[in-house]
């Protein structure tokens, strides 16, 4: 990971914003516009899982002005007293947020978080290969059932994320991702261990490229990543298409938000950036360029119709009923899931 204290020494001016973000989550074009508008620079480090981000901060990583965590991670950061409150008076574009996404369960009143984008954790796939093999693409069975995996051996990747992979298994088994019954989590572990020999790898980011070039045929991952893989395959003129579908058993819906870390040196610059990203045209980039869902009502008019109309990116009301947001667990449940995950990875 980038050592911010070293980089800051080479920055020269103080007008540098340090952003700790998901891979491929804000376009270069958007950042360049902000840099031009504020005559500053943005420096990013990247993480591929909320748990990775939390662990690095817990280990002492400092100097980040803005983080972009998912709801359950925001909840954890608030509990750790790691965030600065957001001064809403410095955000004139705050009113652009759709009321549906204001006042979230993990941060009542948006005291610490400002919604940026949404995603669904789902299944991406090579359309032509799935059609040729006659395999279902609307169920988690595609990544968990040996009767399907036997025809996909070595061509499937799953997220290297404790919460996300276990959540997919729990949804397939008909349980909530907030379940507290140890027997249900044990069943999820056994489901994963049965499927694991057929998978190529656990991957949080390489599946985008691997799907786009045809190295893998099925991936468990984020809707915005699947959009990226689809666009990359199309731009490269591949002889196949990448599709992505929310499984009928349900899935995880994520709301990612901008938060101000207490160790950040430039909260003033961070607030300028957040307000810039709340402006409708800039917010629309999250959908048009990244393929993310969008909690910004002012952005809707600028989002391309084929993206706004994609149910895997903007789930309709019927699909929303089958989606759940991850929540932080109490210490007892966190220890249980940690043991389960360790067994999944070592066996």
Protein backbone atom coordinates (compact mmCIF):
# COMPACT_ATOMS: atom_id res chain seq x y z
CA UNK A 1 0.00 0.00 0.00
CA UNK A 2 1.13 3.52 -0.72
CA UNK A 3 2.90 5.18 2.18
CA UNK A 4 1.08 8.45 2.37
CA UNK A 5 3.67 10.20 4.50
CA UNK A 6 6.29 9.58 1.82
CA UNK A 7 4.05 10.61 -1.06
CA UNK A 8 2.98 13.75 0.77
CA UNK A 9 6.62 14.75 0.96
CA UNK A 10 6.80 14.79 -2.84
CA UNK A 11 3.43 16.50 -3.33
CA UNK A 12 4.88 19.97 -3.03
CA UNK A 13 1.68 21.96 -2.41
CA UNK A 14 -0.78 21.16 0.33
CA UNK A 15 -3.67 20.86 -2.11
CA UNK A 16 -3.60 17.07 -2.41
CA UNK A 17 -6.66 14.96 -1.63
CA UNK A 18 -5.95 11.42 -0.47
CA UNK A 19 -8.69 8.96 -1.38
CA UNK A 20 -8.89 5.32 -0.29
CA UNK A 21 -11.32 3.74 -2.73
CA UNK A 22 -12.57 0.60 -4.41
CA UNK A 23 -10.84 -0.45 -7.64
CA UNK A 24 -12.32 1.22 -10.74
CA UNK A 25 -14.93 3.18 -8.79
CA UNK A 26 -14.40 6.79 -9.93
CA UNK A 27 -13.47 7.47 -13.53
CA UNK A 28 -10.26 9.25 -14.48
CA UNK A 29 -12.30 11.75 -16.48
CA UNK A 30 -14.31 12.73 -13.40
CA UNK A 31 -11.19 13.13 -11.26
CA UNK A 32 -9.50 15.24 -13.91
CA UNK A 33 -12.46 17.62 -13.99
CA UNK A 34 -12.33 17.99 -10.22
CA UNK A 35 -8.58 18.59 -10.26
CA UNK A 36 -9.03 21.29 -12.88
CA UNK A 37 -11.84 22.93 -10.91
CA UNK A 38 -9.98 23.00 -7.59
CA UNK A 39 -6.41 23.31 -8.91
CA UNK A 40 -5.46 20.39 -6.72
CA UNK A 41 -4.45 16.78 -7.11
CA UNK A 42 -6.19 13.55 -6.12
CA UNK A 43 -4.12 10.56 -5.03
CA UNK A 44 -5.82 7.18 -4.68
CA UNK A 45 -5.02 3.92 -2.97
CA UNK A 46 -7.30 0.98 -3.63
CA UNK A 47 -8.94 -1.87 -1.76
CA UNK A 48 -11.05 -4.73 -3.10
CA UNK A 49 -13.04 -5.64 0.01
CA UNK A 50 -14.43 -3.76 3.00
CA UNK A 51 -12.70 -6.13 5.41
CA UNK A 52 -9.36 -5.38 3.72
CA UNK A 53 -9.92 -1.65 4.11
CA UNK A 54 -10.95 -1.96 7.76
CA UNK A 55 -7.99 -4.19 8.58
CA UNK A 56 -5.47 -1.76 7.06
CA UNK A 57 -6.93 1.15 8.97
CA UNK A 58 -6.94 -0.92 12.16
CA UNK A 59 -3.27 -1.74 11.51
CA UNK A 60 -2.45 1.95 11.50
CA UNK A 61 -2.84 3.27 7.95
CA UNK A 62 -3.42 7.03 8.18
CA UNK A 63 -3.60 10.16 6.06
CA UNK A 64 -6.70 9.37 4.01
CA UNK A 65 -9.13 12.25 3.61
CA UNK A 66 -11.97 10.22 2.09
CA UNK A 67 -12.98 6.56 2.23
CA UNK A 68 -15.80 4.96 0.21
CA UNK A 69 -17.11 2.14 2.45
CA UNK A 70 -20.30 0.09 2.20
CA UNK A 71 -23.01 0.51 4.84
CA UNK A 72 -21.85 -2.22 7.23
CA UNK A 73 -18.29 -0.83 7.08
CA UNK A 74 -19.58 2.70 7.74
CA UNK A 75 -21.34 1.27 10.78
CA UNK A 76 -18.08 -0.29 11.95
CA UNK A 77 -16.07 2.91 11.40
CA UNK A 78 -18.63 4.95 13.35
CA UNK A 79 -18.43 2.45 16.20
CA UNK A 80 -14.62 2.80 16.19
CA UNK A 81 -14.94 6.62 16.33
CA UNK A 82 -12.78 6.77 13.18
CA UNK A 83 -14.79 9.36 11.24
CA UNK A 84 -15.30 13.11 11.22
CA UNK A 85 -18.90 14.38 11.20
CA UNK A 86 -19.88 15.88 7.83
CA UNK A 87 -20.75 19.57 7.81
CA UNK A 88 -23.86 19.59 5.62
CA UNK A 89 -23.73 23.38 5.35
CA UNK A 90 -20.63 22.91 3.17
CA UNK A 91 -22.56 20.70 0.76
CA UNK A 92 -25.03 22.82 -1.23
CA UNK A 93 -25.70 19.86 -3.55
CA UNK A 94 -26.76 17.57 -0.69
CA UNK A 95 -30.38 18.05 -1.73
CA UNK A 96 -29.70 16.06 -4.91
CA UNK A 97 -29.68 12.78 -2.98
CA UNK A 98 -32.81 10.73 -3.55
CA UNK A 99 -34.84 10.66 -0.29
CA UNK A 100 -34.88 6.84 -0.54
CA UNK A 101 -31.16 6.82 0.25
CA UNK A 102 -31.10 9.48 2.95
CA UNK A 103 -31.12 8.73 6.65
CA UNK A 104 -29.78 5.15 6.23
CA UNK A 105 -29.96 2.56 8.98
CA UNK A 106 -26.17 2.60 9.41
CA UNK A 107 -25.96 6.40 9.81
CA UNK A 108 -29.19 8.14 10.87
CA UNK A 109 -29.29 11.68 9.59
CA UNK A 110 -26.24 11.11 7.36
CA UNK A 111 -24.11 12.55 10.12
CA UNK A 112 -20.99 10.78 8.84
CA UNK A 113 -21.76 9.52 5.33
CA UNK A 114 -22.87 10.89 1.96
CA UNK A 115 -24.29 8.32 -0.54
CA UNK A 116 -22.23 7.85 -3.70
CA UNK A 117 -23.26 4.68 -5.57
CA UNK A 118 -25.05 1.36 -5.33
CA UNK A 119 -24.20 -2.09 -6.60
CA UNK A 120 -25.64 -5.60 -6.51
CA UNK A 121 -23.47 -8.66 -5.88
CA UNK A 122 -24.57 -11.08 -8.58
CA UNK A 123 -23.50 -13.45 -11.37
CA UNK A 124 -21.70 -12.39 -14.54
CA UNK A 125 -21.33 -14.82 -17.40
CA UNK A 126 -20.32 -15.49 -20.98
CA UNK A 127 -23.70 -15.39 -22.73
CA UNK A 128 -22.75 -17.62 -25.65
CA UNK A 129 -21.06 -20.27 -23.46
CA UNK A 130 -24.02 -20.49 -21.09
CA UNK A 131 -26.42 -20.79 -24.01
CA UNK A 132 -24.26 -23.47 -25.61
CA UNK A 133 -24.09 -25.46 -22.37
CA UNK A 134 -27.75 -24.90 -21.52
CA UNK A 135 -26.97 -23.69 -18.00
CA UNK A 136 -29.21 -21.42 -15.87
CA UNK A 137 -27.97 -17.89 -15.29
CA UNK A 138 -30.67 -16.71 -12.88
CA UNK A 139 -29.71 -18.80 -9.83
CA UNK A 140 -26.82 -19.16 -7.39
CA UNK A 141 -26.97 -22.83 -8.35
CA UNK A 142 -24.66 -21.93 -11.24
CA UNK A 143 -21.74 -21.40 -8.84
CA UNK A 144 -22.71 -23.86 -6.11
CA UNK A 145 -24.18 -27.00 -7.70
CA UNK A 146 -21.75 -29.71 -8.90
CA UNK A 147 -24.20 -30.81 -11.62
CA UNK A 148 -23.56 -27.46 -13.31
CA UNK A 149 -20.00 -26.91 -12.13
CA UNK A 150 -18.86 -30.20 -13.62
CA UNK A 151 -19.29 -28.53 -17.00
CA UNK A 152 -17.56 -25.34 -15.86
CA UNK A 153 -14.54 -26.70 -14.00
CA UNK A 154 -11.79 -24.09 -13.87
CA UNK A 155 -13.99 -21.44 -15.53
CA UNK A 156 -15.66 -19.97 -12.43
CA UNK A 157 -14.39 -17.36 -9.95
CA UNK A 158 -15.95 -16.20 -6.70
CA UNK A 159 -15.25 -13.14 -4.57
CA UNK A 160 -12.43 -13.39 -2.06
CA UNK A 161 -14.73 -11.86 0.54
CA UNK A 162 -15.95 -13.55 3.68
CA UNK A 163 -19.20 -11.62 3.90
CA UNK A 164 -20.06 -11.63 0.19
CA UNK A 165 -19.42 -15.30 -0.56
CA UNK A 166 -21.09 -16.53 2.60
CA UNK A 167 -24.03 -14.21 1.85
CA UNK A 168 -24.47 -15.77 -1.60
CA UNK A 169 -24.48 -19.24 -0.04
CA UNK A 170 -26.98 -18.16 2.62
CA UNK A 171 -29.33 -16.65 0.05
CA UNK A 172 -29.16 -19.83 -2.04
CA UNK A 173 -30.06 -21.88 1.04
CA UNK A 174 -33.03 -19.61 1.73
CA UNK A 175 -31.60 -17.75 4.74
CA UNK A 176 -31.11 -14.08 5.50
CA UNK A 177 -27.61 -12.64 5.33
CA UNK A 178 -28.33 -11.38 8.88
CA UNK A 179 -29.06 -14.89 10.22
CA UNK A 180 -27.63 -15.73 13.65
CA UNK A 181 -28.15 -19.52 13.61
CA UNK A 182 -24.71 -21.24 13.62
CA UNK A 183 -26.22 -24.30 11.93
CA UNK A 184 -27.21 -22.21 8.91
CA UNK A 185 -23.70 -20.78 8.58
CA UNK A 186 -22.28 -24.29 8.87
CA UNK A 187 -24.55 -25.37 6.02
CA UNK A 188 -23.32 -22.42 3.97
CA UNK A 189 -19.73 -23.44 4.66
CA UNK A 190 -20.41 -27.00 3.54
CA UNK A 191 -22.10 -25.74 0.36
CA UNK A 192 -19.01 -23.66 -0.45
CA UNK A 193 -16.58 -26.48 0.31
CA UNK A 194 -18.54 -28.82 -1.98
CA UNK A 195 -18.28 -26.31 -4.84
CA UNK A 196 -14.73 -25.08 -4.20
CA UNK A 197 -12.87 -27.84 -6.14
CA UNK A 198 -14.60 -26.70 -9.34
CA UNK A 199 -13.71 -23.02 -9.03
CA UNK A 200 -10.67 -21.48 -10.70
CA UNK A 201 -9.91 -19.01 -7.90
CA UNK A 202 -11.15 -16.47 -5.39
CA UNK A 203 -10.92 -13.07 -7.09
CA UNK A 204 -11.95 -9.53 -6.18
CA UNK A 205 -10.76 -7.71 -9.29
CA UNK A 206 -9.06 -9.93 -11.90
CA UNK A 207 -12.40 -11.43 -12.87
CA UNK A 208 -13.21 -8.27 -14.84
CA UNK A 209 -10.37 -8.87 -17.30
CA UNK A 210 -10.76 -12.66 -17.24
CA UNK A 211 -14.44 -12.44 -18.17
CA UNK A 212 -13.76 -9.85 -20.86
CA UNK A 213 -11.09 -11.92 -22.63
CA UNK A 214 -12.83 -15.28 -22.17
CA UNK A 215 -10.51 -16.93 -19.64
CA UNK A 216 -13.45 -17.54 -17.32
CA UNK A 217 -17.10 -18.02 -18.16
CA UNK A 218 -18.84 -17.30 -14.84
CA UNK A 219 -17.99 -14.87 -12.04
CA UNK A 220 -19.50 -13.98 -8.70
CA UNK A 221 -18.98 -10.23 -8.33
CA UNK A 222 -20.30 -6.70 -8.37
CA UNK A 223 -22.73 -5.34 -10.96
CA UNK A 224 -20.52 -2.37 -11.81
CA UNK A 225 -17.58 -4.73 -12.44
CA UNK A 226 -19.74 -6.89 -14.70
CA UNK A 227 -20.72 -3.79 -16.63
CA UNK A 228 -17.03 -2.98 -17.05
CA UNK A 229 -16.30 -6.51 -18.30
CA UNK A 230 -19.21 -6.28 -20.74
CA UNK A 231 -17.99 -2.95 -22.12
CA UNK A 232 -14.39 -4.16 -22.37
CA UNK A 233 -15.43 -7.27 -24.30
CA UNK A 234 -17.54 -5.19 -26.66
CA UNK A 235 -14.81 -2.61 -27.23
CA UNK A 236 -12.29 -5.36 -28.00
CA UNK A 237 -14.62 -6.95 -30.55
CA UNK A 238 -14.76 -10.29 -28.71
CA UNK A 239 -16.90 -12.99 -30.34
CA UNK A 240 -19.06 -13.21 -27.20
CA UNK A 241 -21.04 -11.00 -24.83
CA UNK A 242 -20.94 -10.65 -21.05
CA UNK A 243 -24.28 -10.72 -19.30
CA UNK A 244 -25.08 -10.26 -15.61
CA UNK A 245 -28.17 -11.22 -13.66
CA UNK A 246 -29.46 -10.96 -10.10
CA UNK A 247 -30.17 -14.52 -8.88
CA UNK A 248 -33.81 -15.26 -8.20
CA UNK A 249 -32.99 -16.37 -4.62
CA UNK A 250 -31.89 -12.83 -3.79
CA UNK A 251 -28.57 -11.06 -3.38
CA UNK A 252 -26.66 -8.33 -1.57
CA UNK A 253 -27.38 -4.67 -2.31
CA UNK A 254 -24.61 -2.27 -1.36
CA UNK A 255 -24.82 1.48 -0.78
CA UNK A 256 -21.33 2.95 -0.83
CA UNK A 257 -20.79 6.38 0.70
CA UNK A 258 -18.15 9.05 1.03
CA UNK A 259 -16.89 9.43 4.62
CA UNK A 260 -14.18 11.62 6.15
CA UNK A 261 -11.49 9.73 8.03
CA UNK A 262 -10.23 11.42 11.20
CA UNK A 263 -6.62 11.15 10.08
CA UNK A 264 -7.22 13.14 6.89
CA UNK A 265 -5.29 16.40 6.61
CA UNK A 266 -7.70 18.23 4.29
CA UNK A 267 -11.34 17.88 5.40
CA UNK A 268 -12.02 21.18 3.64
CA UNK A 269 -10.81 19.79 0.31
CA UNK A 270 -12.67 16.54 0.99
CA UNK A 271 -15.95 18.45 1.36
CA UNK A 272 -15.30 20.30 -1.90
CA UNK A 273 -14.79 16.96 -3.61
CA UNK A 274 -17.95 15.44 -2.16
CA UNK A 275 -20.05 18.43 -3.20
CA UNK A 276 -18.53 18.27 -6.69
CA UNK A 277 -19.53 14.60 -6.88
CA UNK A 278 -23.07 15.45 -5.76
CA UNK A 279 -23.65 17.72 -8.76
CA UNK A 280 -25.98 15.92 -11.18
CA UNK A 281 -23.71 15.66 -14.24
CA UNK A 282 -20.73 14.55 -12.18
CA UNK A 283 -22.80 12.05 -10.23
CA UNK A 284 -24.06 10.56 -13.51
CA UNK A 285 -20.50 9.51 -14.34
CA UNK A 286 -20.78 6.80 -11.68
CA UNK A 287 -23.41 5.15 -13.86
CA UNK A 288 -22.36 6.12 -17.40
CA UNK A 289 -18.64 5.45 -16.98
CA UNK A 290 -18.52 2.96 -14.10
CA UNK A 291 -21.85 1.13 -14.42
CA UNK A 292 -22.93 1.76 -10.82
CA UNK A 293 -26.42 2.33 -9.54
CA UNK A 294 -27.07 5.90 -8.49
CA UNK A 295 -28.65 7.40 -5.35
CA UNK A 296 -28.44 10.90 -6.84
CA UNK A 297 -31.82 12.06 -8.15
CA UNK A 298 -30.30 14.98 -10.08
CA UNK A 299 -28.11 12.52 -12.01
CA UNK A 300 -31.01 10.53 -13.46
CA UNK A 301 -31.64 12.83 -16.45
CA UNK A 302 -28.01 12.43 -17.55
CA UNK A 303 -27.77 8.62 -17.27
CA UNK A 304 -27.86 6.72 -20.55
CA UNK A 305 -31.23 4.92 -21.02
CA UNK A 306 -29.66 1.49 -21.57
CA UNK A 307 -27.95 1.78 -18.18
CA UNK A 308 -30.88 3.30 -16.32
CA UNK A 309 -33.07 0.54 -17.72
CA UNK A 310 -30.77 -2.35 -16.77
CA UNK A 311 -32.45 -4.19 -13.85
CA UNK A 312 -29.11 -5.57 -12.65
CA UNK A 313 -27.82 -2.01 -12.14
CA UNK A 314 -31.06 -0.27 -11.15
CA UNK A 315 -33.19 -3.04 -9.56
CA UNK A 316 -36.95 -2.60 -9.99
CA UNK A 317 -39.22 -2.66 -6.94
CA UNK A 318 -39.89 -6.40 -7.27
CA UNK A 319 -36.18 -7.21 -7.23
CA UNK A 320 -35.46 -4.88 -4.32
CA UNK A 321 -37.65 -7.06 -2.12
CA UNK A 322 -35.16 -9.93 -2.64
CA UNK A 323 -32.07 -7.86 -1.86
CA UNK A 324 -30.45 -7.31 1.53
CA UNK A 325 -27.74 -4.96 2.75
CA UNK A 326 -24.96 -6.45 4.83
CA UNK A 327 -24.88 -5.31 8.45
CA UNK A 328 -22.11 -5.44 11.00
CA UNK A 329 -22.34 -8.37 13.42
CA UNK A 330 -21.64 -8.47 17.14
CA UNK A 331 -18.24 -9.82 18.28
CA UNK A 332 -19.59 -13.34 18.86
CA UNK A 333 -20.92 -13.62 15.30
CA UNK A 334 -17.77 -12.04 13.85
CA UNK A 335 -15.68 -14.71 15.56
CA UNK A 336 -17.97 -17.45 14.23
CA UNK A 337 -17.75 -16.16 10.66
CA UNK A 338 -13.99 -15.74 10.95
CA UNK A 339 -13.66 -19.43 11.89
CA UNK A 340 -15.98 -20.46 9.07
CA UNK A 341 -14.02 -18.38 6.56
CA UNK A 342 -10.69 -19.79 7.73
CA UNK A 343 -12.00 -23.31 7.13
CA UNK A 344 -13.26 -22.32 3.67
CA UNK A 345 -9.85 -20.96 2.69
CA UNK A 346 -7.61 -23.69 4.10
CA UNK A 347 -9.60 -26.81 3.17
